[in-house]
Amino acid sequence: MYVIVAGGGDIGFHLAKGLIEAGHEVMVIEQDRHRAQWIEEQLGSVVLNAPADEGRYQLEAGCQRADAVIAVTGEDAKNLVICQLARYNCGPHGRVIARVTDPKNEIIFKALGIDETLSSTRVLMNIIEQELPTGGFLPLMPLTGSHLEIIEAEIAPGMPSVGKPVRALQLPEGSLIGGIVRGGKVLPAVGDAALQAGDRIIVLAPTAIEAEVRSRLYD
């Protein structure tokens, strides 16, 4: 697999290093000359010293044959430009993935056709919130090509939903409970299935109403 990594900061460097060690072909596009030289010293001739948000340099890096372009600079706006250009330059076969610093920007990226977004802020918040005593609510992953995501939510003791059938949860329009995880087994989330303390439910919902789904379950 051939991967172009746009941005040679800590994330870009370690991503490129891991991909190379896994046997993949990699090209890092890094604008800062000193950083590009350092990466070349560490990884070899896999660096193009150029701005990744200019289409001609994406083409020089071989974007047309890339299996994936991953924009991991520290600026959301720059990553969006990189990905938009990559979508135009690489053709339909290559995946376009963007690092997003502000989770609120994820909706914009997906609306503009970016295949995947990676938000370290969201991941850290999910981990922290999962450890809080109010119960775990963990957005697991976005669904490629849509504005939907998969959410895992714990039904903790004392929650209003304990003992209620699935049909009585009144989740916001557009969301759906796909299954109930109980005792290590997945049970169908049919309308009359009553929820128990300790259950974890798998919810499919639009990313934009994630907060409303949380509110309906926990408030």
N, C-alpha and C. Protein backbone atom coordinates (compact mmCIF):
# COMPACT_ATOMS: atom_id res chain seq x y z
N MET A 1 0.84 -1.19 0.00
CA MET A 1 0.00 0.00 0.00
C MET A 1 0.88 1.24 0.00
N TYR A 2 0.47 2.24 -0.78
CA TYR A 2 1.21 3.49 -0.85
C TYR A 2 0.41 4.58 -0.13
N VAL A 3 1.04 5.22 0.86
CA VAL A 3 0.37 6.21 1.69
C VAL A 3 1.15 7.51 1.67
N ILE A 4 0.45 8.61 1.43
CA ILE A 4 1.04 9.93 1.54
C ILE A 4 0.63 10.54 2.88
N VAL A 5 1.61 10.93 3.67
CA VAL A 5 1.36 11.56 4.96
C VAL A 5 1.66 13.05 4.83
N ALA A 6 0.65 13.87 4.94
CA ALA A 6 0.80 15.32 4.80
C ALA A 6 1.00 15.93 6.19
N GLY A 7 2.24 16.34 6.46
CA GLY A 7 2.57 16.89 7.77
C GLY A 7 3.56 15.99 8.47
N GLY A 8 4.74 16.53 8.77
CA GLY A 8 5.80 15.72 9.37
C GLY A 8 6.07 16.03 10.82
N GLY A 9 5.04 16.47 11.54
CA GLY A 9 5.19 16.67 12.98
C GLY A 9 5.31 15.34 13.70
N ASP A 10 5.13 15.36 15.01
CA ASP A 10 5.28 14.12 15.79
C ASP A 10 4.32 13.04 15.31
N ILE A 11 3.06 13.42 15.07
CA ILE A 11 2.08 12.42 14.63
C ILE A 11 2.44 11.90 13.25
N GLY A 12 2.74 12.81 12.32
CA GLY A 12 3.09 12.39 10.97
C GLY A 12 4.34 11.53 10.93
N PHE A 13 5.35 11.91 11.72
CA PHE A 13 6.60 11.14 11.74
C PHE A 13 6.37 9.72 12.25
N HIS A 14 5.69 9.60 13.39
CA HIS A 14 5.48 8.26 13.98
C HIS A 14 4.53 7.42 13.13
N LEU A 15 3.56 8.06 12.48
CA LEU A 15 2.68 7.33 11.57
C LEU A 15 3.48 6.80 10.39
N ALA A 16 4.31 7.64 9.79
CA ALA A 16 5.13 7.21 8.67
C ALA A 16 6.09 6.09 9.08
N LYS A 17 6.70 6.25 10.24
CA LYS A 17 7.64 5.24 10.74
C LYS A 17 6.94 3.89 10.92
N GLY A 18 5.74 3.93 11.51
CA GLY A 18 5.00 2.69 11.71
C GLY A 18 4.58 2.04 10.42
N LEU A 19 4.17 2.84 9.45
CA LEU A 19 3.77 2.29 8.16
C LEU A 19 4.95 1.66 7.43
N ILE A 20 6.10 2.33 7.50
CA ILE A 20 7.30 1.78 6.86
C ILE A 20 7.70 0.46 7.51
N GLU A 21 7.66 0.43 8.83
CA GLU A 21 8.02 -0.80 9.55
C GLU A 21 7.05 -1.94 9.23
N ALA A 22 5.81 -1.57 8.87
CA ALA A 22 4.82 -2.59 8.52
C ALA A 22 4.92 -3.01 7.06
N GLY A 23 5.89 -2.43 6.33
CA GLY A 23 6.13 -2.86 4.96
C GLY A 23 5.43 -2.04 3.90
N HIS A 24 4.87 -0.89 4.27
CA HIS A 24 4.16 -0.06 3.30
C HIS A 24 5.10 0.99 2.69
N GLU A 25 4.74 1.47 1.53
CA GLU A 25 5.47 2.55 0.88
C GLU A 25 4.88 3.88 1.35
N VAL A 26 5.75 4.82 1.73
CA VAL A 26 5.28 6.06 2.34
C VAL A 26 6.00 7.25 1.73
N MET A 27 5.28 8.36 1.60
CA MET A 27 5.89 9.64 1.26
C MET A 27 5.34 10.68 2.23
N VAL A 28 6.24 11.37 2.93
CA VAL A 28 5.85 12.44 3.84
C VAL A 28 6.04 13.78 3.14
N ILE A 29 5.03 14.62 3.17
CA ILE A 29 5.16 15.98 2.63
C ILE A 29 5.25 16.93 3.82
N GLU A 30 6.40 17.57 3.96
CA GLU A 30 6.64 18.47 5.09
C GLU A 30 7.22 19.79 4.59
N GLN A 31 6.58 20.89 4.98
CA GLN A 31 6.97 22.19 4.46
C GLN A 31 8.23 22.74 5.11
N ASP A 32 8.42 22.50 6.39
CA ASP A 32 9.58 23.05 7.09
C ASP A 32 10.86 22.31 6.66
N ARG A 33 11.83 23.05 6.16
CA ARG A 33 13.04 22.44 5.59
C ARG A 33 13.83 21.66 6.63
N HIS A 34 14.02 22.23 7.82
CA HIS A 34 14.82 21.56 8.85
C HIS A 34 14.12 20.29 9.34
N ARG A 35 12.80 20.37 9.48
CA ARG A 35 12.06 19.19 9.91
C ARG A 35 12.12 18.10 8.83
N ALA A 36 12.01 18.51 7.59
CA ALA A 36 12.07 17.54 6.49
C ALA A 36 13.43 16.85 6.46
N GLN A 37 14.50 17.62 6.68
CA GLN A 37 15.84 17.04 6.70
C GLN A 37 15.98 16.04 7.85
N TRP A 38 15.43 16.40 8.99
CA TRP A 38 15.53 15.50 10.15
C TRP A 38 14.79 14.19 9.88
N ILE A 39 13.60 14.29 9.29
CA ILE A 39 12.83 13.08 8.98
C ILE A 39 13.59 12.21 7.99
N GLU A 40 14.22 12.84 7.01
CA GLU A 40 15.00 12.08 6.03
C GLU A 40 16.17 11.37 6.70
N GLU A 41 16.78 12.02 7.68
CA GLU A 41 17.87 11.37 8.41
C GLU A 41 17.37 10.15 9.19
N GLN A 42 16.14 10.22 9.67
CA GLN A 42 15.58 9.13 10.47
C GLN A 42 14.99 8.01 9.62
N LEU A 43 14.33 8.37 8.52
CA LEU A 43 13.55 7.38 7.77
C LEU A 43 14.08 7.12 6.36
N GLY A 44 14.99 7.96 5.88
CA GLY A 44 15.47 7.78 4.52
C GLY A 44 14.77 8.72 3.55
N SER A 45 14.93 8.45 2.28
CA SER A 45 14.42 9.35 1.23
C SER A 45 12.93 9.15 1.00
N VAL A 46 12.15 9.51 2.02
CA VAL A 46 10.70 9.36 1.92
C VAL A 46 10.02 10.70 2.21
N VAL A 47 10.75 11.80 1.99
CA VAL A 47 10.24 13.12 2.35
C VAL A 47 10.29 14.05 1.15
N LEU A 48 9.18 14.77 0.95
CA LEU A 48 9.13 15.85 -0.03
C LEU A 48 9.01 17.16 0.74
N ASN A 49 10.03 18.02 0.62
CA ASN A 49 10.04 19.30 1.34
C ASN A 49 9.21 20.30 0.53
N ALA A 50 7.92 20.40 0.87
CA ALA A 50 7.01 21.24 0.11
C ALA A 50 5.72 21.41 0.91
N PRO A 51 4.92 22.43 0.58
CA PRO A 51 3.61 22.59 1.23
C PRO A 51 2.61 21.57 0.68
N ALA A 52 2.00 20.82 1.56
CA ALA A 52 1.08 19.76 1.14
C ALA A 52 -0.26 20.30 0.67
N ASP A 53 -0.52 21.59 0.95
CA ASP A 53 -1.81 22.17 0.54
C ASP A 53 -1.72 22.84 -0.82
N GLU A 54 -0.73 22.43 -1.63
CA GLU A 54 -0.63 22.85 -3.02
C GLU A 54 -0.69 21.61 -3.91
N GLY A 55 -1.63 21.62 -4.84
CA GLY A 55 -1.90 20.43 -5.63
C GLY A 55 -0.71 19.91 -6.41
N ARG A 56 0.16 20.81 -6.90
CA ARG A 56 1.28 20.36 -7.73
C ARG A 56 2.23 19.47 -6.93
N TYR A 57 2.36 19.74 -5.65
CA TYR A 57 3.26 18.93 -4.83
C TYR A 57 2.62 17.59 -4.46
N GLN A 58 1.30 17.57 -4.34
CA GLN A 58 0.63 16.28 -4.16
C GLN A 58 0.84 15.40 -5.39
N LEU A 59 0.75 16.02 -6.56
CA LEU A 59 0.99 15.26 -7.79
C LEU A 59 2.44 14.80 -7.87
N GLU A 60 3.37 15.66 -7.44
CA GLU A 60 4.79 15.28 -7.44
C GLU A 60 5.04 14.11 -6.50
N ALA A 61 4.28 14.05 -5.42
CA ALA A 61 4.43 12.96 -4.46
C ALA A 61 3.79 11.66 -4.96
N GLY A 62 3.11 11.72 -6.09
CA GLY A 62 2.49 10.51 -6.63
C GLY A 62 1.09 10.26 -6.12
N CYS A 63 0.37 11.35 -5.88
CA CYS A 63 -0.98 11.24 -5.33
C CYS A 63 -1.89 10.38 -6.19
N GLN A 64 -1.64 10.38 -7.52
CA GLN A 64 -2.53 9.65 -8.44
C GLN A 64 -2.55 8.16 -8.14
N ARG A 65 -1.47 7.63 -7.60
CA ARG A 65 -1.41 6.19 -7.34
C ARG A 65 -1.50 5.85 -5.85
N ALA A 66 -1.72 6.87 -5.02
CA ALA A 66 -1.75 6.63 -3.58
C ALA A 66 -3.03 5.89 -3.17
N ASP A 67 -2.87 4.96 -2.25
CA ASP A 67 -4.03 4.27 -1.69
C ASP A 67 -4.71 5.11 -0.62
N ALA A 68 -3.93 6.01 -0.01
CA ALA A 68 -4.50 6.88 1.02
C ALA A 68 -3.66 8.14 1.16
N VAL A 69 -4.33 9.25 1.42
CA VAL A 69 -3.66 10.50 1.78
C VAL A 69 -4.17 10.86 3.18
N ILE A 70 -3.23 11.07 4.10
CA ILE A 70 -3.60 11.34 5.49
C ILE A 70 -3.03 12.70 5.88
N ALA A 71 -3.90 13.65 6.17
CA ALA A 71 -3.49 15.00 6.53
C ALA A 71 -3.43 15.12 8.05
N VAL A 72 -2.24 15.32 8.58
CA VAL A 72 -2.06 15.33 10.04
C VAL A 72 -1.30 16.57 10.52
N THR A 73 -1.46 17.69 9.82
CA THR A 73 -0.87 18.92 10.33
C THR A 73 -1.67 19.35 11.57
N GLY A 74 -1.19 20.35 12.27
CA GLY A 74 -1.88 20.81 13.47
C GLY A 74 -2.97 21.83 13.21
N GLU A 75 -3.27 22.10 11.94
CA GLU A 75 -4.27 23.11 11.58
C GLU A 75 -5.43 22.47 10.84
N ASP A 76 -6.62 22.58 11.40
CA ASP A 76 -7.80 21.98 10.77
C ASP A 76 -8.03 22.55 9.38
N ALA A 77 -7.91 23.87 9.23
CA ALA A 77 -8.18 24.50 7.93
C ALA A 77 -7.22 23.98 6.87
N LYS A 78 -5.95 23.84 7.24
CA LYS A 78 -4.97 23.33 6.28
C LYS A 78 -5.25 21.87 5.93
N ASN A 79 -5.61 21.08 6.93
CA ASN A 79 -5.93 19.68 6.66
C ASN A 79 -7.12 19.55 5.73
N LEU A 80 -8.10 20.44 5.89
CA LEU A 80 -9.27 20.41 5.01
C LEU A 80 -8.88 20.72 3.57
N VAL A 81 -8.03 21.72 3.37
CA VAL A 81 -7.57 22.07 2.02
C VAL A 81 -6.79 20.91 1.41
N ILE A 82 -5.90 20.34 2.21
CA ILE A 82 -5.10 19.19 1.73
C ILE A 82 -6.01 18.07 1.26
N CYS A 83 -7.01 17.77 2.06
CA CYS A 83 -7.91 16.66 1.73
C CYS A 83 -8.78 16.96 0.53
N GLN A 84 -9.24 18.19 0.41
CA GLN A 84 -10.04 18.56 -0.75
C GLN A 84 -9.23 18.45 -2.03
N LEU A 85 -7.99 18.92 -1.99
CA LEU A 85 -7.11 18.80 -3.15
C LEU A 85 -6.80 17.34 -3.46
N ALA A 86 -6.57 16.56 -2.40
CA ALA A 86 -6.27 15.14 -2.60
C ALA A 86 -7.45 14.41 -3.21
N ARG A 87 -8.65 14.77 -2.79
CA ARG A 87 -9.84 14.13 -3.37
C ARG A 87 -9.91 14.43 -4.88
N TYR A 88 -9.51 15.62 -5.27
CA TYR A 88 -9.52 16.01 -6.68
C TYR A 88 -8.36 15.36 -7.44
N ASN A 89 -7.17 15.33 -6.83
CA ASN A 89 -5.97 14.86 -7.52
C ASN A 89 -5.84 13.34 -7.55
N CYS A 90 -6.30 12.69 -6.51
CA CYS A 90 -6.04 11.26 -6.36
C CYS A 90 -7.05 10.39 -7.09
N GLY A 91 -8.20 10.93 -7.40
CA GLY A 91 -9.21 10.11 -8.04
C GLY A 91 -10.02 9.35 -7.01
N PRO A 92 -11.01 8.58 -7.45
CA PRO A 92 -11.95 7.94 -6.54
C PRO A 92 -11.40 6.76 -5.76
N HIS A 93 -10.27 6.20 -6.18
CA HIS A 93 -9.81 4.97 -5.54
C HIS A 93 -9.08 5.22 -4.22
N GLY A 94 -8.48 6.39 -4.04
CA GLY A 94 -7.68 6.65 -2.85
C GLY A 94 -8.52 7.17 -1.69
N ARG A 95 -8.23 6.70 -0.49
CA ARG A 95 -8.94 7.18 0.70
C ARG A 95 -8.29 8.48 1.18
N VAL A 96 -9.11 9.36 1.72
CA VAL A 96 -8.64 10.65 2.22
C VAL A 96 -9.03 10.74 3.69
N ILE A 97 -8.03 10.92 4.54
CA ILE A 97 -8.24 10.90 6.00
C ILE A 97 -7.63 12.15 6.59
N ALA A 98 -8.32 12.76 7.55
CA ALA A 98 -7.86 14.03 8.12
C ALA A 98 -7.82 13.99 9.64
N ARG A 99 -6.76 14.55 10.19
CA ARG A 99 -6.71 14.83 11.62
C ARG A 99 -7.53 16.09 11.88
N VAL A 100 -8.37 16.05 12.91
CA VAL A 100 -9.18 17.20 13.27
C VAL A 100 -8.93 17.55 14.73
N THR A 101 -8.47 18.76 14.98
CA THR A 101 -8.17 19.18 16.34
C THR A 101 -9.44 19.54 17.09
N ASP A 102 -10.33 20.29 16.46
CA ASP A 102 -11.59 20.70 17.08
C ASP A 102 -12.68 19.72 16.64
N PRO A 103 -13.24 18.92 17.57
CA PRO A 103 -14.26 17.94 17.18
C PRO A 103 -15.46 18.54 16.46
N LYS A 104 -15.75 19.82 16.70
CA LYS A 104 -16.89 20.46 16.03
C LYS A 104 -16.68 20.54 14.53
N ASN A 105 -15.44 20.48 14.09
CA ASN A 105 -15.17 20.58 12.65
C ASN A 105 -15.37 19.26 11.92
N GLU A 106 -15.56 18.17 12.66
CA GLU A 106 -15.71 16.87 12.01
C GLU A 106 -16.90 16.84 11.06
N ILE A 107 -17.99 17.47 11.45
CA ILE A 107 -19.18 17.48 10.61
C ILE A 107 -18.89 18.18 9.28
N ILE A 108 -18.14 19.26 9.34
CA ILE A 108 -17.78 20.00 8.12
C ILE A 108 -16.95 19.12 7.19
N PHE A 109 -15.95 18.44 7.77
CA PHE A 109 -15.08 17.59 6.97
C PHE A 109 -15.90 16.50 6.27
N LYS A 110 -16.80 15.87 7.01
CA LYS A 110 -17.58 14.77 6.43
C LYS A 110 -18.56 15.29 5.39
N ALA A 111 -19.12 16.47 5.63
CA ALA A 111 -20.05 17.06 4.66
C ALA A 111 -19.35 17.37 3.34
N LEU A 112 -18.03 17.61 3.41
CA LEU A 112 -17.27 17.92 2.20
C LEU A 112 -16.61 16.70 1.59
N GLY A 113 -17.00 15.51 2.05
CA GLY A 113 -16.58 14.29 1.38
C GLY A 113 -15.31 13.65 1.88
N ILE A 114 -14.80 14.08 3.04
CA ILE A 114 -13.61 13.44 3.60
C ILE A 114 -13.99 12.08 4.16
N ASP A 115 -13.25 11.03 3.79
CA ASP A 115 -13.63 9.67 4.15
C ASP A 115 -13.66 9.44 5.65
N GLU A 116 -12.60 9.85 6.33
CA GLU A 116 -12.51 9.61 7.77
C GLU A 116 -11.90 10.83 8.45
N THR A 117 -12.30 11.08 9.69
CA THR A 117 -11.67 12.12 10.50
C THR A 117 -11.18 11.50 11.80
N LEU A 118 -10.04 11.96 12.26
CA LEU A 118 -9.44 11.46 13.49
C LEU A 118 -9.27 12.63 14.45
N SER A 119 -9.98 12.58 15.57
CA SER A 119 -9.91 13.67 16.55
C SER A 119 -9.36 13.14 17.86
N SER A 120 -8.11 13.51 18.18
CA SER A 120 -7.52 13.09 19.44
C SER A 120 -8.26 13.71 20.62
N THR A 121 -8.79 14.92 20.42
CA THR A 121 -9.57 15.56 21.48
C THR A 121 -10.80 14.74 21.82
N ARG A 122 -11.51 14.29 20.78
CA ARG A 122 -12.71 13.48 21.00
C ARG A 122 -12.35 12.16 21.68
N VAL A 123 -11.28 11.53 21.23
CA VAL A 123 -10.88 10.25 21.82
C VAL A 123 -10.58 10.42 23.31
N LEU A 124 -9.81 11.45 23.66
CA LEU A 124 -9.47 11.68 25.06
C LEU A 124 -10.71 11.99 25.89
N MET A 125 -11.61 12.80 25.36
CA MET A 125 -12.85 13.11 26.08
C MET A 125 -13.67 11.85 26.29
N ASN A 126 -13.74 11.00 25.28
CA ASN A 126 -14.51 9.76 25.42
C ASN A 126 -13.93 8.87 26.50
N ILE A 127 -12.59 8.78 26.54
CA ILE A 127 -11.94 7.94 27.56
C ILE A 127 -12.23 8.48 28.95
N ILE A 128 -12.10 9.81 29.11
CA ILE A 128 -12.36 10.43 30.41
C ILE A 128 -13.80 10.21 30.83
N GLU A 129 -14.74 10.48 29.92
CA GLU A 129 -16.15 10.37 30.26
C GLU A 129 -16.55 8.94 30.52
N GLN A 130 -15.89 7.98 29.87
CA GLN A 130 -16.21 6.58 30.10
C GLN A 130 -15.86 6.16 31.52
N GLU A 131 -14.89 6.84 32.12
CA GLU A 131 -14.45 6.49 33.46
C GLU A 131 -15.27 7.19 34.54
N LEU A 132 -16.12 8.15 34.17
CA LEU A 132 -16.91 8.85 35.16
C LEU A 132 -17.99 7.95 35.72
N PRO A 133 -18.41 8.16 36.98
CA PRO A 133 -19.39 7.28 37.61
C PRO A 133 -20.79 7.39 37.03
N THR A 134 -21.05 8.36 36.15
CA THR A 134 -22.38 8.52 35.57
C THR A 134 -22.65 7.50 34.47
N GLY A 135 -21.72 6.62 34.21
CA GLY A 135 -21.93 5.60 33.18
C GLY A 135 -21.18 5.92 31.92
N GLY A 136 -20.91 4.90 31.11
CA GLY A 136 -20.10 5.10 29.92
C GLY A 136 -20.95 5.45 28.71
N PHE A 137 -20.53 6.46 27.99
CA PHE A 137 -21.16 6.86 26.73
C PHE A 137 -20.01 7.08 25.77
N LEU A 138 -19.82 6.16 24.85
CA LEU A 138 -18.61 6.18 24.04
C LEU A 138 -18.92 6.13 22.55
N PRO A 139 -18.77 7.26 21.83
CA PRO A 139 -18.85 7.21 20.37
C PRO A 139 -17.70 6.37 19.84
N LEU A 140 -18.03 5.26 19.19
CA LEU A 140 -17.00 4.30 18.79
C LEU A 140 -16.33 4.67 17.47
N MET A 141 -17.14 4.99 16.46
CA MET A 141 -16.55 5.26 15.15
C MET A 141 -17.59 5.88 14.22
N PRO A 142 -17.11 6.71 13.29
CA PRO A 142 -18.02 7.22 12.26
C PRO A 142 -18.23 6.17 11.19
N LEU A 143 -19.34 6.24 10.49
CA LEU A 143 -19.60 5.35 9.37
C LEU A 143 -19.19 6.04 8.09
N THR A 144 -18.29 5.42 7.35
CA THR A 144 -17.74 6.03 6.14
C THR A 144 -18.84 6.38 5.15
N GLY A 145 -18.75 7.58 4.60
CA GLY A 145 -19.68 8.00 3.56
C GLY A 145 -21.03 8.46 4.09
N SER A 146 -21.12 8.74 5.38
CA SER A 146 -22.38 9.20 5.95
C SER A 146 -22.09 10.15 7.10
N HIS A 147 -23.17 10.71 7.66
CA HIS A 147 -23.04 11.57 8.83
C HIS A 147 -23.42 10.81 10.10
N LEU A 148 -23.34 9.49 10.02
CA LEU A 148 -23.74 8.65 11.14
C LEU A 148 -22.52 8.15 11.91
N GLU A 149 -22.77 7.76 13.17
CA GLU A 149 -21.72 7.15 13.97
C GLU A 149 -22.32 6.06 14.84
N ILE A 150 -21.44 5.18 15.32
CA ILE A 150 -21.84 4.11 16.23
C ILE A 150 -21.47 4.52 17.65
N ILE A 151 -22.43 4.42 18.56
CA ILE A 151 -22.24 4.82 19.95
C ILE A 151 -22.50 3.62 20.85
N GLU A 152 -21.66 3.44 21.85
CA GLU A 152 -21.89 2.43 22.88
C GLU A 152 -22.25 3.15 24.17
N ALA A 153 -23.38 2.78 24.77
CA ALA A 153 -23.84 3.45 25.99
C ALA A 153 -24.18 2.42 27.06
N GLU A 154 -23.69 2.65 28.27
CA GLU A 154 -23.97 1.75 29.39
C GLU A 154 -25.26 2.14 30.10
N ILE A 155 -26.07 1.14 30.42
CA ILE A 155 -27.27 1.36 31.22
C ILE A 155 -26.87 1.09 32.68
N ALA A 156 -26.58 2.15 33.39
CA ALA A 156 -26.08 2.03 34.76
C ALA A 156 -27.23 1.89 35.75
N PRO A 157 -26.98 1.27 36.91
CA PRO A 157 -28.01 1.16 37.95
C PRO A 157 -28.55 2.54 38.33
N GLY A 158 -29.85 2.63 38.49
CA GLY A 158 -30.46 3.89 38.88
C GLY A 158 -30.87 4.77 37.73
N MET A 159 -30.47 4.41 36.52
CA MET A 159 -30.88 5.21 35.36
C MET A 159 -32.36 5.01 35.09
N PRO A 160 -33.04 6.04 34.58
CA PRO A 160 -34.48 5.94 34.30
C PRO A 160 -34.83 4.83 33.30
N SER A 161 -33.87 4.46 32.44
CA SER A 161 -34.15 3.47 31.41
C SER A 161 -34.10 2.03 31.92
N VAL A 162 -33.62 1.80 33.14
CA VAL A 162 -33.56 0.44 33.68
C VAL A 162 -34.97 -0.12 33.81
N GLY A 163 -35.19 -1.29 33.24
CA GLY A 163 -36.50 -1.93 33.31
C GLY A 163 -37.45 -1.53 32.21
N LYS A 164 -37.10 -0.51 31.42
CA LYS A 164 -37.98 -0.05 30.35
C LYS A 164 -37.74 -0.85 29.08
N PRO A 165 -38.79 -1.05 28.28
CA PRO A 165 -38.56 -1.67 26.96
C PRO A 165 -37.88 -0.69 26.02
N VAL A 166 -37.24 -1.23 25.01
CA VAL A 166 -36.50 -0.40 24.06
C VAL A 166 -37.39 0.66 23.44
N ARG A 167 -38.62 0.30 23.10
CA ARG A 167 -39.52 1.24 22.41
C ARG A 167 -39.87 2.45 23.28
N ALA A 168 -39.65 2.37 24.60
CA ALA A 168 -40.01 3.47 25.49
C ALA A 168 -38.88 4.47 25.70
N LEU A 169 -37.71 4.26 25.07
CA LEU A 169 -36.57 5.14 25.31
C LEU A 169 -36.74 6.51 24.67
N GLN A 170 -37.51 6.57 23.60
CA GLN A 170 -37.78 7.84 22.91
C GLN A 170 -36.49 8.57 22.52
N LEU A 171 -35.62 7.85 21.83
CA LEU A 171 -34.40 8.47 21.31
C LEU A 171 -34.78 9.44 20.19
N PRO A 172 -33.93 10.43 19.92
CA PRO A 172 -34.27 11.42 18.89
C PRO A 172 -34.44 10.78 17.52
N GLU A 173 -35.24 11.43 16.69
CA GLU A 173 -35.51 10.93 15.34
C GLU A 173 -34.21 10.78 14.55
N GLY A 174 -34.10 9.67 13.86
CA GLY A 174 -32.90 9.40 13.08
C GLY A 174 -31.93 8.47 13.77
N SER A 175 -32.15 8.16 15.06
CA SER A 175 -31.27 7.25 15.80
C SER A 175 -31.95 5.90 15.97
N LEU A 176 -31.16 4.88 16.16
CA LEU A 176 -31.67 3.52 16.22
C LEU A 176 -30.78 2.67 17.13
N ILE A 177 -31.40 1.86 17.98
CA ILE A 177 -30.64 0.92 18.81
C ILE A 177 -30.44 -0.36 18.00
N GLY A 178 -29.19 -0.69 17.75
CA GLY A 178 -28.88 -1.84 16.91
C GLY A 178 -28.74 -3.14 17.66
N GLY A 179 -28.51 -3.08 18.95
CA GLY A 179 -28.34 -4.30 19.72
C GLY A 179 -28.11 -4.02 21.18
N ILE A 180 -28.28 -5.05 22.00
CA ILE A 180 -28.04 -4.97 23.45
C ILE A 180 -26.96 -5.98 23.79
N VAL A 181 -25.91 -5.51 24.45
CA VAL A 181 -24.84 -6.41 24.88
C VAL A 181 -25.07 -6.73 26.35
N ARG A 182 -25.28 -8.01 26.63
CA ARG A 182 -25.58 -8.45 28.00
C ARG A 182 -24.87 -9.78 28.27
N GLY A 183 -24.04 -9.79 29.30
CA GLY A 183 -23.34 -11.03 29.65
C GLY A 183 -22.45 -11.55 28.55
N GLY A 184 -21.88 -10.63 27.75
CA GLY A 184 -20.98 -11.04 26.68
C GLY A 184 -21.69 -11.50 25.42
N LYS A 185 -23.03 -11.40 25.39
CA LYS A 185 -23.78 -11.80 24.21
C LYS A 185 -24.54 -10.60 23.65
N VAL A 186 -24.76 -10.61 22.34
CA VAL A 186 -25.52 -9.55 21.69
C VAL A 186 -26.96 -10.01 21.51
N LEU A 187 -27.89 -9.24 22.05
CA LEU A 187 -29.31 -9.56 21.97
C LEU A 187 -29.98 -8.59 21.01
N PRO A 188 -31.02 -9.03 20.31
CA PRO A 188 -31.73 -8.12 19.41
C PRO A 188 -32.47 -7.04 20.19
N ALA A 189 -32.42 -5.82 19.69
CA ALA A 189 -33.07 -4.69 20.38
C ALA A 189 -34.48 -4.53 19.85
N VAL A 190 -35.31 -5.55 20.07
CA VAL A 190 -36.71 -5.48 19.63
C VAL A 190 -37.50 -4.60 20.57
N GLY A 191 -38.63 -4.13 20.14
CA GLY A 191 -39.40 -3.14 20.89
C GLY A 191 -39.74 -3.50 22.32
N ASP A 192 -40.03 -4.79 22.59
CA ASP A 192 -40.45 -5.19 23.94
C ASP A 192 -39.30 -5.63 24.83
N ALA A 193 -38.08 -5.65 24.30
CA ALA A 193 -36.92 -6.08 25.10
C ALA A 193 -36.67 -5.07 26.22
N ALA A 194 -36.70 -5.54 27.45
CA ALA A 194 -36.50 -4.65 28.62
C ALA A 194 -35.02 -4.53 28.93
N LEU A 195 -34.59 -3.32 29.21
CA LEU A 195 -33.19 -3.07 29.53
C LEU A 195 -32.91 -3.36 30.99
N GLN A 196 -31.71 -3.86 31.25
CA GLN A 196 -31.28 -4.19 32.60
C GLN A 196 -30.04 -3.38 32.96
N ALA A 197 -29.85 -3.14 34.26
CA ALA A 197 -28.64 -2.46 34.72
C ALA A 197 -27.43 -3.29 34.30
N GLY A 198 -26.43 -2.63 33.75
CA GLY A 198 -25.23 -3.32 33.26
C GLY A 198 -25.26 -3.60 31.78
N ASP A 199 -26.44 -3.46 31.15
CA ASP A 199 -26.51 -3.62 29.70
C ASP A 199 -25.70 -2.52 29.02
N ARG A 200 -25.20 -2.84 27.84
CA ARG A 200 -24.60 -1.81 26.99
C ARG A 200 -25.35 -1.86 25.67
N ILE A 201 -25.84 -0.73 25.23
CA ILE A 201 -26.60 -0.69 23.99
C ILE A 201 -25.76 -0.06 22.88
N ILE A 202 -25.95 -0.56 21.67
CA ILE A 202 -25.25 -0.04 20.50
C ILE A 202 -26.24 0.82 19.71
N VAL A 203 -25.91 2.09 19.59
CA VAL A 203 -26.81 3.05 18.96
C VAL A 203 -26.20 3.56 17.66
N LEU A 204 -27.00 3.62 16.61
CA LEU A 204 -26.60 4.28 15.37
C LEU A 204 -27.34 5.61 15.34
N ALA A 205 -26.59 6.70 15.17
CA ALA A 205 -27.21 8.02 15.21
C ALA A 205 -26.41 9.02 14.39
N PRO A 206 -27.06 10.06 13.88
CA PRO A 206 -26.33 11.14 13.22
C PRO A 206 -25.38 11.81 14.20
N THR A 207 -24.17 12.11 13.75
CA THR A 207 -23.18 12.74 14.61
C THR A 207 -23.70 14.04 15.21
N ALA A 208 -24.51 14.76 14.45
CA ALA A 208 -24.99 16.07 14.89
C ALA A 208 -25.90 16.00 16.11
N ILE A 209 -26.53 14.84 16.37
CA ILE A 209 -27.44 14.74 17.52
C ILE A 209 -26.88 13.86 18.63
N GLU A 210 -25.56 13.69 18.63
CA GLU A 210 -24.92 12.86 19.65
C GLU A 210 -25.27 13.35 21.06
N ALA A 211 -25.20 14.67 21.28
CA ALA A 211 -25.49 15.23 22.61
C ALA A 211 -26.93 14.96 23.01
N GLU A 212 -27.85 15.01 22.05
CA GLU A 212 -29.26 14.76 22.36
C GLU A 212 -29.49 13.30 22.72
N VAL A 213 -28.80 12.39 22.03
CA VAL A 213 -28.90 10.96 22.38
C VAL A 213 -28.43 10.74 23.81
N ARG A 214 -27.30 11.37 24.17
CA ARG A 214 -26.78 11.26 25.53
C ARG A 214 -27.80 11.78 26.55
N SER A 215 -28.40 12.91 26.23
CA SER A 215 -29.35 13.52 27.14
C SER A 215 -30.57 12.63 27.37
N ARG A 216 -31.08 12.03 26.30
CA ARG A 216 -32.27 11.17 26.41
C ARG A 216 -31.97 9.93 27.26
N LEU A 217 -30.73 9.46 27.22
CA LEU A 217 -30.38 8.26 27.97
C LEU A 217 -30.03 8.52 29.42
N TYR A 218 -29.40 9.67 29.69
CA TYR A 218 -28.82 9.87 31.01
C TYR A 218 -29.51 10.94 31.86
N ASP A 219 -30.25 11.85 31.26
CA ASP A 219 -30.87 12.93 32.03
C ASP A 219 -32.27 12.55 32.52
